[in-house]
Amino acid sequence: MLSIGHIKINSRSPLVLAPMAGISDLPFRMINRLFGCELAFTEMINAGSLVRQNVTTLKNLFTTVDDSPLGVQLLGADPDVIRRAVDIVSGYAFDIIDFNAACPVNKIVSRGEGAGLLMEPLRLQKILKIIVENTDRPVTVKIRSGWDGSSVNASETALRAQDAGVKALIIHGRTRQQAYRGKVDYDVIRGVKESVQIPVIASGDALSPELIRKLFDETGCDGVAVARGALGNPWIFRETEELPRKGSAPLRPSVHEITQTMKKHLALNISFHGEERGVLRFRKFFGWYTRGMPVKMLKMRAFHSITGEDMQELIEEVEEDYVSKSRA
C-alpha cells in the first residue's frame, strides 16, 4: 500500500497517473480511472499563470467528485508567487500538492524552474518548505536524477525535500540533459529509496506491465508513475494489477473494447471542451488508441475530422476494418 499523508492507495502494485502537458485533463483522468487508476494528477500548472487568473490555467483545475484522489502539480521558482498559488489551489478539492523540479524543457529551465532547480537544491528545499507551511494538504515533489551525468545529486535533493516536510517523492531516473532519451538509471532510484524514509515513486519508461514490474523489483520503490504508457492505453492499470497474480502478461483488450473506450473518451472530451476543441484534442488519442492496427488511412482522416459525428464514424470503421481484414 502506498501512503502519502492521509491518502492511501490500496493496490498491490500502486500506480500514479503522472501529469502530462496538454494531456492530463479531466476526460483523460476519468478514462484511466475506469481501468483502475486510483491517484491522478492534473497537468502541470504554472504558478504565475494561476496567480494571474489565466482562463486556460483555471480550466485545468476543474475536477469532479469522482476524480479523486487527485493531485495538482505546480511549477515555478518565485517563492512569493508560489505561496500565492498554493493559497489558490488550497481552495480547491485537491488531495495533494506536487511541485515540479523535473521538467527538462528549455524555456522552463532557462527561467530556473523545473529541472533548473536541481542545480540549486538548497533553493528547492526553501521553496518546498514554503509550500508545506502554507497548506494542510500532503506535499510531494518530482525530481530527476540530476542535471547531467557529472552532477547526479538525487539523493541529496531527496533528503532536502524530506527535511522540508514533503510526504513523498517522485523521481524520474534520467538527468535533465537526457530528457526522455537513453536508459533509466535504476541504481539512482534505488539509492534515493535507501536514503529517505518517505515513500518514493519511480518514473521513467513505465510503458508496459512488465517494465513497471521491473521498476518495482529493481528499485524497491513504493509506487510507479505512469505517463506515456497510459496514452491510448488505460488498460495498463488493470493489466499491471493482474500481472503478479497471473504470472504472465494479461491479454490485450479486444478491438471492440478499444473502440468502445474511444467512444467514451470522445464523448467526455466534447462534453468538457465543446465539440470543436474536444474533437481537436481527441485526434492524437485516435492515433494512440489505434497504435499497431492496420488503419493508416483512418488515422489520416481522423487528423482532419472536425465534428463529433465524423470522429464517431471513424471509430466505428476501425472495428469494421479490423474485423474484415482479420477474416480475409
Protein backbone atom coordinates (compact mmCIF):
# COMPACT_ATOMS: atom_id res chain seq x y z
CA MET A 1 0.00 0.00 0.00
CA LEU A 2 1.25 3.48 -0.92
CA SER A 3 0.54 6.16 1.69
CA ILE A 4 1.04 9.87 1.02
CA GLY A 5 -0.01 11.64 4.18
CA HIS A 6 -3.58 10.52 4.77
CA ILE A 7 -4.01 9.40 1.14
CA LYS A 8 -3.76 5.63 0.78
CA ILE A 9 -3.54 3.67 -2.48
CA ASN A 10 -4.56 0.10 -1.77
CA SER A 11 -3.37 -1.56 -4.99
CA ARG A 12 -0.80 -4.37 -4.76
CA SER A 13 1.13 -2.51 -7.47
CA PRO A 14 0.49 1.16 -6.65
CA LEU A 15 0.44 3.30 -9.78
CA VAL A 16 0.08 7.04 -10.21
CA LEU A 17 -1.16 8.74 -13.37
CA ALA A 18 1.54 11.34 -13.94
CA PRO A 19 0.84 14.89 -15.13
CA MET A 20 1.38 15.46 -18.85
CA ALA A 21 1.13 18.87 -20.52
CA GLY A 22 -1.78 19.09 -22.93
CA ILE A 23 -2.91 15.59 -21.97
CA SER A 24 -3.95 15.23 -18.34
CA ASP A 25 -7.33 16.92 -18.48
CA LEU A 26 -10.46 15.67 -16.70
CA PRO A 27 -11.62 13.37 -19.57
CA PHE A 28 -8.22 11.67 -19.74
CA ARG A 29 -8.11 11.14 -15.99
CA MET A 30 -11.64 9.73 -15.87
CA ILE A 31 -10.97 7.25 -18.67
CA ASN A 32 -7.92 5.94 -16.82
CA ARG A 33 -9.86 5.71 -13.57
CA LEU A 34 -12.32 3.36 -15.30
CA PHE A 35 -9.50 0.81 -15.58
CA GLY A 36 -8.02 1.01 -12.11
CA CYS A 37 -6.16 4.31 -11.80
CA GLU A 38 -6.63 5.46 -8.20
CA LEU A 39 -4.38 8.52 -7.89
CA ALA A 40 -4.03 11.02 -10.74
CA PHE A 41 -2.54 14.48 -11.21
CA THR A 42 -3.64 17.50 -13.20
CA GLU A 43 -1.34 18.65 -15.92
CA MET A 44 1.44 20.97 -14.76
CA ILE A 45 0.11 24.33 -13.55
CA ASN A 46 2.30 27.40 -13.95
CA ALA A 47 2.12 29.25 -10.62
CA GLY A 48 2.46 32.65 -12.29
CA SER A 49 -0.38 31.95 -14.73
CA LEU A 50 -2.55 30.77 -11.87
CA VAL A 51 -1.90 33.92 -9.82
CA ARG A 52 -2.79 35.99 -12.91
CA GLN A 53 -6.05 34.03 -13.16
CA ASN A 54 -5.33 32.81 -16.69
CA VAL A 55 -8.56 31.30 -18.07
CA THR A 56 -6.90 28.22 -19.59
CA THR A 57 -4.96 27.56 -16.39
CA LEU A 58 -8.09 27.83 -14.27
CA LYS A 59 -9.87 25.30 -16.51
CA ASN A 60 -7.04 22.84 -15.88
CA LEU A 61 -8.04 22.90 -12.21
CA PHE A 62 -11.54 21.61 -12.93
CA THR A 63 -12.47 18.32 -11.29
CA THR A 64 -15.49 16.31 -10.11
CA VAL A 65 -16.33 14.24 -7.06
CA ASP A 66 -15.42 11.03 -8.94
CA ASP A 67 -11.98 12.39 -9.87
CA SER A 68 -10.39 11.51 -6.55
CA PRO A 69 -7.87 11.26 -5.02
CA LEU A 70 -6.33 13.99 -7.15
CA GLY A 71 -3.10 15.93 -7.01
CA VAL A 72 -2.30 19.30 -8.57
CA GLN A 73 1.24 19.93 -9.82
CA LEU A 74 2.70 23.43 -9.56
CA LEU A 75 5.63 24.88 -11.50
CA GLY A 76 7.56 27.98 -10.51
CA ALA A 77 10.63 29.41 -8.82
CA ASP A 78 9.49 32.70 -7.25
CA PRO A 79 8.70 31.98 -3.57
CA ASP A 80 6.10 34.74 -3.29
CA VAL A 81 4.27 33.67 -6.44
CA ILE A 82 4.35 30.04 -5.33
CA ARG A 83 2.95 30.97 -1.92
CA ARG A 84 0.05 32.81 -3.59
CA ALA A 85 -0.55 29.90 -5.96
CA VAL A 86 -0.70 27.49 -3.02
CA ASP A 87 -3.31 29.71 -1.37
CA ILE A 88 -5.41 29.50 -4.55
CA VAL A 89 -5.22 25.73 -5.06
CA SER A 90 -5.87 25.14 -1.37
CA GLY A 91 -9.36 26.46 -2.05
CA TYR A 92 -9.99 23.60 -4.50
CA ALA A 93 -10.78 19.96 -3.78
CA PHE A 94 -7.25 18.65 -4.33
CA ASP A 95 -5.85 15.95 -2.09
CA ILE A 96 -2.14 16.52 -2.83
CA ILE A 97 0.03 19.42 -3.96
CA ASP A 98 3.01 18.34 -6.06
CA PHE A 99 5.91 20.59 -7.03
CA ASN A 100 7.71 20.13 -10.35
CA ALA A 101 11.51 20.14 -10.20
CA ALA A 102 11.87 17.77 -13.14
CA CYS A 103 10.58 19.36 -16.36
CA PRO A 104 13.51 19.44 -18.84
CA VAL A 105 12.03 21.87 -21.41
CA ASN A 106 14.48 24.65 -22.35
CA LYS A 107 12.13 27.60 -21.87
CA ILE A 108 11.30 26.36 -18.37
CA VAL A 109 14.81 25.57 -17.13
CA SER A 110 16.06 28.87 -18.58
CA ARG A 111 13.81 30.58 -16.01
CA GLY A 112 15.32 28.50 -13.22
CA GLU A 113 12.16 26.42 -12.98
CA GLY A 114 11.52 22.69 -13.33
CA ALA A 115 14.76 20.72 -13.63
CA GLY A 116 16.66 24.01 -13.37
CA LEU A 117 16.16 23.80 -9.61
CA LEU A 118 18.20 20.59 -9.47
CA MET A 119 21.32 22.75 -9.67
CA GLU A 120 20.17 24.62 -6.57
CA PRO A 121 18.99 22.01 -4.05
CA LEU A 122 19.05 24.48 -1.15
CA ARG A 123 16.78 26.87 -3.06
CA LEU A 124 14.46 23.97 -3.90
CA GLN A 125 14.34 22.99 -0.24
CA LYS A 126 13.31 26.52 0.76
CA ILE A 127 10.53 26.55 -1.86
CA LEU A 128 9.22 23.18 -0.68
CA LYS A 129 9.22 24.40 2.92
CA ILE A 130 7.12 27.41 1.87
CA ILE A 131 4.58 25.11 0.21
CA VAL A 132 4.45 22.75 3.21
CA GLU A 133 3.97 25.64 5.64
CA ASN A 134 1.15 27.18 3.63
CA THR A 135 -1.15 24.20 3.08
CA ASP A 136 -2.78 21.43 5.09
CA ARG A 137 -2.53 19.02 2.12
CA PRO A 138 0.29 16.49 1.74
CA VAL A 139 3.07 17.92 -0.43
CA THR A 140 5.12 15.88 -2.90
CA VAL A 141 7.90 16.81 -5.30
CA LYS A 142 9.05 15.41 -8.63
CA ILE A 143 12.78 15.45 -9.37
CA ARG A 144 15.27 13.86 -11.77
CA SER A 145 18.50 12.01 -11.09
CA GLY A 146 20.40 15.26 -11.61
CA TRP A 147 21.24 17.95 -14.15
CA ASP A 148 23.69 15.83 -16.15
CA GLY A 149 25.88 12.77 -15.76
CA SER A 150 28.50 14.69 -13.79
CA SER A 151 26.02 16.17 -11.30
CA VAL A 152 23.78 13.30 -10.20
CA ASN A 153 22.50 14.59 -6.86
CA ALA A 154 19.12 12.90 -6.47
CA SER A 155 19.81 11.51 -3.00
CA GLU A 156 20.92 14.91 -1.66
CA THR A 157 17.89 16.57 -3.23
CA ALA A 158 15.59 13.90 -1.81
CA LEU A 159 16.98 14.34 1.70
CA ARG A 160 16.49 18.10 1.50
CA ALA A 161 12.91 17.55 0.29
CA GLN A 162 12.27 15.21 3.20
CA ASP A 163 13.68 17.78 5.63
CA ALA A 164 11.34 20.38 4.12
CA GLY A 165 8.38 18.23 5.09
CA VAL A 166 7.27 16.62 1.82
CA LYS A 167 5.31 13.38 2.26
CA ALA A 168 6.51 11.55 -0.87
CA LEU A 169 8.94 11.98 -3.73
CA ILE A 170 8.65 11.11 -7.42
CA ILE A 171 11.94 10.55 -9.21
CA HIS A 172 12.48 10.24 -12.94
CA GLY A 173 15.57 8.11 -13.42
CA ARG A 174 17.15 10.30 -16.09
CA THR A 175 19.09 13.55 -15.93
CA ARG A 176 17.80 16.82 -17.33
CA GLN A 177 20.39 16.52 -20.11
CA GLN A 178 18.92 13.15 -21.14
CA ALA A 179 15.36 14.50 -21.14
CA TYR A 180 13.46 11.36 -22.24
CA ARG A 181 16.34 9.70 -24.09
CA GLY A 182 18.70 6.95 -23.04
CA LYS A 183 18.32 4.44 -20.25
CA VAL A 184 16.56 4.93 -16.95
CA ASP A 185 19.05 4.64 -14.08
CA TYR A 186 17.51 2.14 -11.67
CA ASP A 187 20.51 2.42 -9.34
CA VAL A 188 19.87 6.13 -8.74
CA ILE A 189 16.22 5.49 -7.93
CA ARG A 190 17.19 2.69 -5.57
CA GLY A 191 19.75 4.97 -3.92
CA VAL A 192 17.07 7.57 -3.28
CA LYS A 193 14.76 4.93 -1.82
CA GLU A 194 17.51 3.80 0.54
CA SER A 195 18.31 7.40 1.58
CA VAL A 196 14.89 8.58 2.75
CA GLN A 197 12.05 7.44 4.99
CA ILE A 198 9.24 8.92 2.88
CA PRO A 199 7.61 6.95 0.03
CA VAL A 200 9.46 7.01 -3.30
CA ILE A 201 7.58 6.79 -6.59
CA ALA A 202 9.70 5.75 -9.58
CA SER A 203 9.25 7.32 -13.01
CA GLY A 204 10.68 6.61 -16.44
CA ASP A 205 9.78 4.14 -19.20
CA ALA A 206 6.75 2.72 -17.34
CA LEU A 207 5.41 1.65 -20.73
CA SER A 208 4.11 -1.85 -20.00
CA PRO A 209 3.17 -4.05 -17.03
CA GLU A 210 6.50 -5.85 -17.41
CA LEU A 211 8.56 -2.65 -17.34
CA ILE A 212 6.54 -1.38 -14.40
CA ARG A 213 7.24 -4.62 -12.55
CA LYS A 214 10.94 -4.16 -13.35
CA LEU A 215 10.87 -0.70 -11.77
CA PHE A 216 9.36 -2.14 -8.59
CA ASP A 217 11.75 -5.08 -8.45
CA GLU A 218 15.00 -3.26 -9.24
CA THR A 219 14.47 -0.09 -7.21
CA GLY A 220 12.36 -1.16 -4.23
CA CYS A 221 10.13 1.83 -4.91
CA ASP A 222 6.76 2.27 -3.20
CA GLY A 223 4.91 3.20 -6.38
CA VAL A 224 5.36 3.90 -10.08
CA ALA A 225 4.28 6.96 -12.05
CA VAL A 226 2.76 6.14 -15.45
CA ALA A 227 2.88 8.77 -18.19
CA ARG A 228 3.43 7.77 -21.84
CA GLY A 229 2.41 4.21 -21.01
CA ALA A 230 -1.18 5.37 -20.49
CA LEU A 231 -1.53 7.20 -23.83
CA GLY A 232 -4.31 5.37 -25.63
CA ASN A 233 -3.76 2.56 -23.14
CA PRO A 234 -5.76 2.99 -19.91
CA TRP A 235 -5.70 -0.81 -19.59
CA ILE A 236 -2.13 -0.57 -18.31
CA PHE A 237 -3.50 -0.04 -14.79
CA ARG A 238 -5.69 -3.16 -14.90
CA GLU A 239 -3.01 -5.25 -16.58
CA THR A 240 -0.31 -4.25 -14.09
CA GLU A 241 -2.57 -5.21 -11.21
CA GLU A 242 -3.24 -8.60 -12.82
CA LEU A 243 0.36 -9.42 -13.77
CA PRO A 244 1.61 -10.75 -10.38
CA ARG A 245 -1.49 -12.90 -9.97
CA LYS A 246 -1.44 -14.36 -13.49
CA GLY A 247 2.31 -14.67 -13.74
CA SER A 248 2.35 -13.58 -17.37
CA ALA A 249 1.27 -10.64 -19.46
CA PRO A 250 -2.55 -10.35 -19.47
CA LEU A 251 -4.40 -10.50 -22.76
CA ARG A 252 -4.65 -7.18 -24.56
CA PRO A 253 -8.13 -5.66 -24.86
CA SER A 254 -10.23 -6.65 -27.84
CA VAL A 255 -10.72 -4.22 -30.70
CA HIS A 256 -14.33 -3.87 -29.59
CA GLU A 257 -13.25 -2.83 -26.07
CA ILE A 258 -10.76 -0.36 -27.55
CA THR A 259 -13.34 1.28 -29.82
CA GLN A 260 -15.94 1.43 -27.03
CA THR A 261 -13.36 3.18 -24.83
CA MET A 262 -12.52 5.56 -27.67
CA LYS A 263 -16.20 6.50 -27.95
CA LYS A 264 -16.42 7.18 -24.21
CA HIS A 265 -13.27 9.30 -24.32
CA LEU A 266 -14.53 11.27 -27.30
CA ALA A 267 -17.88 11.91 -25.60
CA LEU A 268 -16.13 13.11 -22.42
CA ASN A 269 -13.89 15.39 -24.48
CA ILE A 270 -16.83 17.00 -26.26
CA SER A 271 -18.80 17.38 -23.04
CA PHE A 272 -15.88 19.05 -21.27
CA HIS A 273 -14.24 21.09 -24.04
CA GLY A 274 -17.10 21.62 -26.51
CA GLU A 275 -17.33 19.89 -29.87
CA GLU A 276 -14.67 21.77 -31.84
CA ARG A 277 -11.94 21.69 -29.21
CA GLY A 278 -12.99 18.28 -27.92
CA VAL A 279 -12.58 16.68 -31.35
CA LEU A 280 -9.32 18.55 -31.96
CA ARG A 281 -7.84 17.26 -28.70
CA PHE A 282 -9.05 13.73 -29.44
CA ARG A 283 -7.21 13.50 -32.77
CA LYS A 284 -3.92 12.50 -31.15
CA PHE A 285 -5.71 9.98 -28.96
CA PHE A 286 -7.19 8.35 -32.06
CA GLY A 287 -3.63 7.66 -33.17
CA TRP A 288 -2.58 6.35 -29.75
CA TYR A 289 -5.59 4.06 -29.32
CA THR A 290 -5.09 2.53 -32.78
CA ARG A 291 -1.33 2.12 -32.47
CA GLY A 292 -0.29 -1.11 -34.17
CA MET A 293 -3.55 -1.51 -36.06
CA PRO A 294 -3.60 -1.57 -39.90
CA VAL A 295 -5.74 1.56 -40.14
CA LYS A 296 -3.35 4.11 -41.62
CA MET A 297 -5.94 5.77 -43.86
CA LEU A 298 -8.39 6.11 -40.97
CA LYS A 299 -5.70 7.84 -38.89
CA MET A 300 -5.08 10.31 -41.68
CA ARG A 301 -8.79 11.06 -41.91
CA ALA A 302 -9.04 11.38 -38.13
CA PHE A 303 -6.45 14.16 -38.15
CA HIS A 304 -8.76 16.17 -40.38
CA SER A 305 -12.02 15.47 -38.54
CA ILE A 306 -13.80 18.50 -37.14
CA THR A 307 -17.13 17.13 -35.86
CA GLY A 308 -18.02 14.57 -33.24
CA GLU A 309 -20.14 12.68 -35.77
CA ASP A 310 -17.20 12.35 -38.18
CA MET A 311 -14.91 11.07 -35.44
CA GLN A 312 -17.54 8.65 -34.16
CA GLU A 313 -17.94 7.17 -37.63
CA LEU A 314 -14.18 6.74 -37.97
CA ILE A 315 -14.04 4.92 -34.63
CA GLU A 316 -16.74 2.54 -35.86
CA GLU A 317 -14.79 1.99 -39.07
CA VAL A 318 -11.74 0.96 -37.03
CA GLU A 319 -13.59 -2.09 -35.73
CA GLU A 320 -15.20 -2.85 -39.10
CA ASP A 321 -11.87 -2.66 -40.94
CA TYR A 322 -10.07 -4.75 -38.35
CA VAL A 323 -12.72 -7.48 -38.42
CA SER A 324 -12.86 -7.60 -42.22
CA LYS A 325 -9.06 -7.79 -42.53
CA SER A 326 -8.89 -10.49 -39.87
CA ARG A 327 -11.33 -12.61 -41.86
CA ALA A 328 -9.55 -12.09 -45.17
